[in-house]
Amino acid sequence: MKKLAFLILILITIALTGVLALDKEQTDSWIALVGEKDLKVKMQKLDDYYNKYGGKEDRNSIYMYLHLAETTYQLQQYERTIEFGEKALTYKEIESSYKLRLYLFLANAYNLTKKDLDMAYSYADKIIILARKLNSATQNNSIINNNYVAPALRIQVQLLAGKPNDPQNAVNALNKALEAYQLDKSDKSANFVLALSERMLKSNNLREAIRGVEAINQNKPQADYFKMLGLWYARLKDQDKAIENLKTSYQMKRNAKVAYDLGVLLNQNDNLDNALDYLAEAHLLNDEKYSEEALKLLQHLIFFVKTKGQPLAEQEKVFNDVVGAAKTRLGITLP
């Protein structure tokens, strides 16, 4: 009996030794792939690990699928990203932070492969919903908003903008682009807003176009944006806002066309003297096209409106005074 018990103990010891050796081999393989920096090498190690241990449900399984999803995504192997990402999401115990990453990988993968655009939109929505939940429980909302919510909104913008037949899709896309921009203030989000504003302009939806550009300009004011807004407000016959925006643009950067446009608008708005001032400056700024146009209008307004019926010498004096004052404002000392 003692011999039998000893034999059984020996067999158990041998079996345990094999199991421990196998666990050590798996653990070493796992440690090696997790620490690998070269993506292609890491992918090879992941494939080897998956082929050998993928059928074995253990504590590493969820993280194996996470690494597989992330690495295939980084290597632009998007079909495999979808496979492994969705497998990772079948684990109920997966943490919310990992879910956010997986949702983003999957939304992009479905969008870029065009495999299922509805799924792409749905995963982007999952990001936004989960992020709102997490934001209510944390003070560090900017990291989640910048890294997950804004990119998710941009994916939805692309998907909505890709359906041009319904004009409401473009408005919805602009709303989401603006939401993304308000979250991260990035150039990428700004470019989406500007592109959609341009689309609104082409479809004669000027108010939506203005709404987009004003949001960008409020954060990063630029002379060109004010110029754009001024011209768009002019098309809407909102003279006051057109003049206000063009004046701001001109103060930031002198431009003959802006000065000329201001001269035209101010004259239409019965503000003749201010119109003459801007037209004189447009004339002096030596633009190939608009300086000549400004001079023609300036002469017409002085000789046939402001000084109509006066002696030629008086008319010429008024003209010279207006141009001289403009030279002073522009710092021009030459005659």
Protein backbone atom coordinates (compact mmCIF):
# COMPACT_ATOMS: atom_id res chain seq x y z
CA MET A 1 0.00 0.00 0.00
CA LYS A 2 2.81 2.38 0.88
CA LYS A 3 4.48 1.61 -2.47
CA LEU A 4 1.23 2.37 -4.33
CA ALA A 5 0.77 5.66 -2.51
CA PHE A 6 4.37 6.62 -3.27
CA LEU A 7 3.88 5.77 -6.96
CA ILE A 8 0.74 7.91 -7.13
CA LEU A 9 2.61 10.82 -5.51
CA ILE A 10 5.39 10.49 -8.07
CA LEU A 11 2.88 10.56 -10.96
CA ILE A 12 1.12 13.62 -9.54
CA THR A 13 4.46 15.39 -9.12
CA ILE A 14 5.42 14.65 -12.74
CA ALA A 15 2.04 15.88 -13.98
CA LEU A 16 2.25 19.10 -11.95
CA THR A 17 5.76 19.69 -13.22
CA GLY A 18 4.42 19.53 -16.80
CA VAL A 19 1.59 21.94 -16.03
CA LEU A 20 3.90 24.39 -14.32
CA ALA A 21 6.32 24.19 -17.26
CA LEU A 22 3.47 24.87 -19.66
CA ASP A 23 2.24 27.84 -17.59
CA LYS A 24 5.72 29.27 -17.48
CA GLU A 25 6.09 28.92 -21.24
CA GLN A 26 2.74 30.67 -21.81
CA THR A 27 3.59 33.38 -19.29
CA ASP A 28 6.98 33.99 -20.90
CA SER A 29 5.32 34.24 -24.33
CA TRP A 30 2.79 36.71 -22.97
CA ILE A 31 5.41 38.90 -21.29
CA ALA A 32 7.48 38.93 -24.48
CA LEU A 33 4.65 40.11 -26.71
CA VAL A 34 3.27 42.70 -24.27
CA GLY A 35 6.66 44.37 -24.02
CA GLU A 36 7.34 44.33 -27.77
CA LYS A 37 7.63 47.81 -29.32
CA ASP A 38 7.92 46.86 -33.01
CA LEU A 39 4.33 46.49 -34.24
CA LYS A 40 5.07 43.92 -36.92
CA VAL A 41 7.10 41.78 -34.54
CA LYS A 42 4.40 42.15 -31.89
CA MET A 43 1.78 41.07 -34.42
CA GLN A 44 3.76 37.94 -35.22
CA LYS A 45 4.10 37.12 -31.53
CA LEU A 46 0.40 37.77 -31.00
CA ASP A 47 -0.49 35.45 -33.88
CA ASP A 48 1.76 32.75 -32.47
CA TYR A 49 0.25 33.18 -29.02
CA TYR A 50 -3.30 33.18 -30.39
CA ASN A 51 -2.71 30.08 -32.50
CA LYS A 52 -1.25 28.23 -29.51
CA TYR A 53 -3.40 29.46 -26.61
CA GLY A 54 -6.39 31.13 -28.25
CA GLY A 55 -8.69 28.20 -27.57
CA LYS A 56 -7.83 28.25 -23.89
CA GLU A 57 -10.03 30.47 -21.73
CA ASP A 58 -7.84 31.92 -18.98
CA ARG A 59 -7.07 35.20 -17.26
CA ASN A 60 -5.13 36.42 -20.32
CA SER A 61 -7.88 35.81 -22.88
CA ILE A 62 -9.59 39.19 -22.62
CA TYR A 63 -6.27 41.03 -22.79
CA MET A 64 -5.12 38.87 -25.68
CA TYR A 65 -8.13 40.01 -27.72
CA LEU A 66 -7.57 43.60 -26.64
CA HIS A 67 -3.96 43.48 -27.87
CA LEU A 68 -5.02 41.74 -31.07
CA ALA A 69 -7.67 44.39 -31.77
CA GLU A 70 -5.35 47.31 -31.03
CA THR A 71 -2.33 45.96 -32.91
CA THR A 72 -4.31 45.00 -36.02
CA TYR A 73 -5.89 48.46 -35.91
CA GLN A 74 -2.48 50.15 -35.72
CA LEU A 75 -1.31 48.01 -38.63
CA GLN A 76 -4.48 48.92 -40.58
CA GLN A 77 -5.64 45.31 -40.70
CA TYR A 78 -9.18 46.47 -40.16
CA GLU A 79 -11.01 43.24 -41.00
CA ARG A 80 -9.10 41.52 -38.21
CA THR A 81 -9.72 44.49 -35.91
CA ILE A 82 -13.43 43.89 -36.31
CA GLU A 83 -13.02 40.17 -35.59
CA PHE A 84 -10.91 40.57 -32.46
CA GLY A 85 -12.55 43.75 -31.20
CA GLU A 86 -16.01 42.24 -31.21
CA LYS A 87 -14.67 39.09 -29.56
CA ALA A 88 -13.16 41.20 -26.76
CA LEU A 89 -16.52 42.88 -26.18
CA THR A 90 -18.16 39.52 -25.46
CA TYR A 91 -16.40 39.52 -22.07
CA LYS A 92 -18.81 41.11 -19.61
CA GLU A 93 -16.07 41.97 -17.14
CA ILE A 94 -14.24 44.24 -19.60
CA GLU A 95 -13.52 47.67 -18.12
CA SER A 96 -15.21 50.82 -19.45
CA SER A 97 -11.88 52.41 -20.45
CA TYR A 98 -11.14 49.39 -22.65
CA LYS A 99 -14.65 49.53 -24.09
CA LEU A 100 -14.09 53.11 -25.21
CA ARG A 101 -10.94 52.12 -27.08
CA LEU A 102 -12.59 49.10 -28.67
CA TYR A 103 -15.64 51.09 -29.72
CA LEU A 104 -13.35 53.62 -31.39
CA PHE A 105 -11.30 50.94 -33.16
CA LEU A 106 -14.48 49.28 -34.40
CA ALA A 107 -16.20 52.49 -35.49
CA ASN A 108 -13.16 53.45 -37.54
CA ALA A 109 -12.65 49.94 -38.88
CA TYR A 110 -16.23 49.65 -40.10
CA ASN A 111 -16.06 53.15 -41.57
CA LEU A 112 -12.73 52.69 -43.36
CA THR A 113 -13.58 49.27 -44.77
CA LYS A 114 -17.09 50.44 -45.75
CA LYS A 115 -18.13 47.00 -44.54
CA ASP A 116 -21.12 48.24 -42.56
CA LEU A 117 -21.57 51.99 -42.21
CA ASP A 118 -24.54 51.58 -39.88
CA MET A 119 -22.31 49.62 -37.52
CA ALA A 120 -19.69 52.36 -37.75
CA TYR A 121 -22.29 54.95 -36.72
CA SER A 122 -23.61 52.67 -33.97
CA TYR A 123 -20.16 52.13 -32.40
CA ALA A 124 -19.51 55.87 -32.53
CA ASP A 125 -22.81 56.35 -30.70
CA LYS A 126 -21.73 53.82 -28.07
CA ILE A 127 -18.62 55.92 -27.44
CA ILE A 128 -20.68 59.07 -26.89
CA ILE A 129 -23.18 57.35 -24.58
CA LEU A 130 -20.50 55.62 -22.47
CA ALA A 131 -18.39 58.78 -22.34
CA ARG A 132 -21.32 60.80 -20.97
CA LYS A 133 -21.76 58.21 -18.26
CA LEU A 134 -18.07 58.26 -17.38
CA ASN A 135 -17.89 62.05 -17.51
CA SER A 136 -20.54 62.32 -14.85
CA ALA A 137 -18.32 60.30 -12.53
CA THR A 138 -14.96 61.94 -13.16
CA GLN A 139 -13.42 65.42 -13.13
CA ASN A 140 -10.96 64.63 -15.91
CA ASN A 141 -13.49 64.94 -18.70
CA SER A 142 -11.16 66.57 -21.24
CA ILE A 143 -9.17 63.38 -21.82
CA ILE A 144 -12.29 61.38 -22.63
CA ASN A 145 -13.78 64.21 -24.71
CA ASN A 146 -10.63 64.86 -26.72
CA ASN A 147 -9.57 61.26 -27.28
CA TYR A 148 -12.92 59.56 -27.72
CA VAL A 149 -16.01 61.76 -27.99
CA ALA A 150 -14.63 64.25 -30.53
CA PRO A 151 -13.23 61.48 -32.81
CA ALA A 152 -16.55 59.60 -32.53
CA LEU A 153 -18.46 62.71 -33.55
CA ARG A 154 -16.13 63.22 -36.52
CA ILE A 155 -16.83 59.66 -37.67
CA GLN A 156 -20.54 60.41 -37.53
CA VAL A 157 -19.94 63.65 -39.42
CA GLN A 158 -18.26 61.73 -42.25
CA LEU A 159 -21.08 59.21 -42.37
CA LEU A 160 -23.81 61.85 -42.41
CA ALA A 161 -21.97 64.01 -44.95
CA GLY A 162 -21.63 60.95 -47.17
CA LYS A 163 -25.41 61.00 -47.71
CA PRO A 164 -25.85 64.19 -49.77
CA ASN A 165 -29.38 63.46 -50.98
CA ASP A 166 -31.00 64.54 -47.73
CA PRO A 167 -30.25 68.21 -46.91
CA GLN A 168 -31.01 67.56 -43.22
CA ASN A 169 -28.05 65.18 -43.07
CA ALA A 170 -25.73 68.07 -43.88
CA VAL A 171 -27.25 70.15 -41.06
CA ASN A 172 -26.92 67.22 -38.64
CA ALA A 173 -23.34 66.73 -39.76
CA LEU A 174 -22.57 70.40 -39.14
CA ASN A 175 -24.12 70.19 -35.67
CA LYS A 176 -21.93 67.21 -34.78
CA ALA A 177 -18.85 68.88 -36.26
CA LEU A 178 -19.51 71.95 -34.13
CA GLU A 179 -20.00 69.75 -31.07
CA ALA A 180 -16.65 68.06 -31.73
CA TYR A 181 -14.97 71.44 -32.18
CA GLN A 182 -16.41 72.78 -28.94
CA LEU A 183 -14.95 69.76 -27.16
CA ASP A 184 -11.38 69.68 -28.49
CA LYS A 185 -10.84 72.96 -30.43
CA SER A 186 -8.58 70.99 -32.78
CA ASP A 187 -7.65 71.91 -36.35
CA LYS A 188 -9.10 68.57 -37.45
CA SER A 189 -12.52 69.40 -36.01
CA ALA A 190 -12.28 72.97 -37.33
CA ASN A 191 -11.63 71.66 -40.85
CA PHE A 192 -14.78 69.55 -40.68
CA VAL A 193 -16.80 72.62 -39.66
CA LEU A 194 -15.30 74.75 -42.43
CA ALA A 195 -15.85 72.07 -45.08
CA LEU A 196 -19.49 71.71 -44.09
CA SER A 197 -19.94 75.49 -44.01
CA GLU A 198 -18.63 75.56 -47.57
CA ARG A 199 -21.17 72.89 -48.49
CA MET A 200 -23.92 74.97 -46.90
CA LEU A 201 -22.80 77.95 -48.93
CA LYS A 202 -23.01 75.97 -52.16
CA SER A 203 -26.54 74.89 -51.30
CA ASN A 204 -27.49 78.52 -50.51
CA ASN A 205 -27.98 77.79 -46.83
CA LEU A 206 -26.12 80.92 -45.83
CA ARG A 207 -27.27 81.09 -42.23
CA GLU A 208 -25.92 77.62 -41.48
CA ALA A 209 -22.68 78.47 -43.27
CA ILE A 210 -22.36 81.61 -41.13
CA ARG A 211 -23.09 79.64 -37.96
CA GLY A 212 -20.20 77.31 -38.69
CA VAL A 213 -17.62 79.95 -39.54
CA GLU A 214 -18.64 82.19 -36.62
CA ALA A 215 -17.98 79.32 -34.20
CA ILE A 216 -14.46 78.85 -35.58
CA ASN A 217 -13.80 82.58 -35.74
CA GLN A 218 -14.92 83.10 -32.15
CA ASN A 219 -12.13 80.85 -30.93
CA LYS A 220 -9.42 81.80 -33.44
CA PRO A 221 -10.30 85.15 -35.02
CA GLN A 222 -8.82 85.70 -38.47
CA ALA A 223 -9.16 88.51 -40.97
CA ASP A 224 -10.18 86.09 -43.72
CA TYR A 225 -13.00 84.69 -41.59
CA PHE A 226 -14.35 88.17 -40.86
CA LYS A 227 -14.10 88.96 -44.58
CA MET A 228 -16.00 85.78 -45.45
CA LEU A 229 -18.70 86.55 -42.90
CA GLY A 230 -19.01 90.11 -44.10
CA LEU A 231 -19.60 89.01 -47.68
CA TRP A 232 -22.12 86.35 -46.60
CA TYR A 233 -24.06 88.81 -44.46
CA ALA A 234 -24.11 91.16 -47.43
CA ARG A 235 -25.73 88.42 -49.49
CA LEU A 236 -28.37 88.12 -46.78
CA LYS A 237 -28.94 91.90 -47.05
CA ASP A 238 -27.85 92.35 -43.44
CA GLN A 239 -25.85 95.48 -44.12
CA ASP A 240 -24.98 96.29 -40.51
CA LYS A 241 -23.40 92.91 -39.79
CA ALA A 242 -21.73 92.87 -43.18
CA ILE A 243 -20.10 96.23 -42.50
CA GLU A 244 -19.17 95.26 -38.93
CA ASN A 245 -17.38 92.08 -40.05
CA LEU A 246 -15.63 93.72 -42.99
CA LYS A 247 -14.41 96.57 -40.80
CA THR A 248 -12.95 94.08 -38.31
CA SER A 249 -11.29 92.18 -41.15
CA TYR A 250 -9.78 95.37 -42.53
CA GLN A 251 -8.49 96.44 -39.11
CA MET A 252 -6.71 93.12 -38.78
CA LYS A 253 -5.32 93.09 -42.32
CA ARG A 254 -5.55 95.89 -44.88
CA ASN A 255 -6.93 94.60 -48.14
CA ALA A 256 -8.01 96.55 -51.20
CA LYS A 257 -11.01 94.34 -51.92
CA VAL A 258 -12.29 94.59 -48.35
CA ALA A 259 -11.86 98.37 -48.41
CA TYR A 260 -13.64 98.52 -51.78
CA ASP A 261 -16.51 96.33 -50.53
CA LEU A 262 -16.81 98.53 -47.46
CA GLY A 263 -16.98 101.60 -49.67
CA VAL A 264 -19.79 100.05 -51.71
CA LEU A 265 -21.77 98.91 -48.65
CA LEU A 266 -21.33 102.17 -46.74
CA ASN A 267 -22.51 104.13 -49.77
CA GLN A 268 -25.56 101.88 -50.06
CA ASN A 269 -26.12 102.49 -46.35
CA ASP A 270 -26.15 106.28 -46.89
CA ASN A 271 -22.81 106.78 -45.14
CA LEU A 272 -21.10 108.63 -47.96
CA ASP A 273 -18.14 110.16 -46.13
CA ASN A 274 -17.04 106.83 -44.62
CA ALA A 275 -17.53 105.20 -48.00
CA LEU A 276 -15.18 107.76 -49.56
CA ASP A 277 -12.53 107.08 -46.90
CA TYR A 278 -12.46 103.33 -47.60
CA LEU A 279 -12.57 103.80 -51.36
CA ALA A 280 -9.62 106.19 -51.17
CA GLU A 281 -7.62 103.64 -49.19
CA ALA A 282 -8.59 100.86 -51.61
CA HIS A 283 -7.34 103.06 -54.45
CA LEU A 284 -4.01 103.67 -52.68
CA LEU A 285 -3.36 100.00 -51.80
CA ASN A 286 -2.34 99.28 -55.40
CA ASP A 287 -4.36 96.16 -56.01
CA GLU A 288 -4.28 95.15 -59.68
CA LYS A 289 -8.06 94.93 -59.93
CA TYR A 290 -9.83 96.61 -57.02
CA SER A 291 -7.71 99.77 -56.74
CA GLU A 292 -8.79 100.82 -60.20
CA GLU A 293 -12.43 99.98 -59.48
CA ALA A 294 -12.22 101.95 -56.22
CA LEU A 295 -10.81 104.99 -58.00
CA LYS A 296 -13.63 104.99 -60.53
CA LEU A 297 -16.28 104.81 -57.83
CA LEU A 298 -14.46 107.35 -55.65
CA GLN A 299 -14.35 109.88 -58.51
CA HIS A 300 -17.99 109.28 -59.36
CA LEU A 301 -19.16 109.76 -55.78
CA ILE A 302 -17.11 112.91 -55.23
CA PHE A 303 -17.72 114.64 -58.55
CA PHE A 304 -21.31 113.54 -59.20
CA VAL A 305 -22.75 113.06 -55.71
CA LYS A 306 -20.89 114.84 -52.88
CA THR A 307 -19.85 117.97 -54.83
CA LYS A 308 -22.37 117.83 -57.63
CA GLY A 309 -22.84 121.25 -59.22
CA GLN A 310 -19.83 122.83 -57.49
CA PRO A 311 -16.95 124.45 -59.43
CA LEU A 312 -14.37 122.01 -60.73
CA ALA A 313 -11.65 123.52 -58.54
CA GLU A 314 -13.74 122.85 -55.41
CA GLN A 315 -14.47 119.31 -56.55
CA GLU A 316 -10.79 118.60 -57.16
CA LYS A 317 -9.91 120.03 -53.76
CA VAL A 318 -12.37 117.68 -52.05
CA PHE A 319 -10.95 114.75 -54.02
CA ASN A 320 -7.36 115.66 -53.09
CA ASP A 321 -8.31 116.16 -49.42
CA VAL A 322 -9.96 112.72 -49.23
CA VAL A 323 -7.00 111.00 -50.89
CA GLY A 324 -4.51 112.98 -48.78
CA ALA A 325 -6.24 111.97 -45.57
CA ALA A 326 -6.18 108.35 -46.74
CA LYS A 327 -2.43 108.59 -47.38
CA THR A 328 -1.93 109.82 -43.84
CA ARG A 329 -3.94 106.95 -42.38
CA LEU A 330 -1.96 104.46 -44.46
CA GLY A 331 1.37 106.08 -43.61
CA ILE A 332 2.09 106.96 -47.25
CA THR A 333 4.51 109.89 -47.49
CA LEU A 334 5.07 109.93 -51.23
CA PRO A 335 3.10 112.51 -53.28
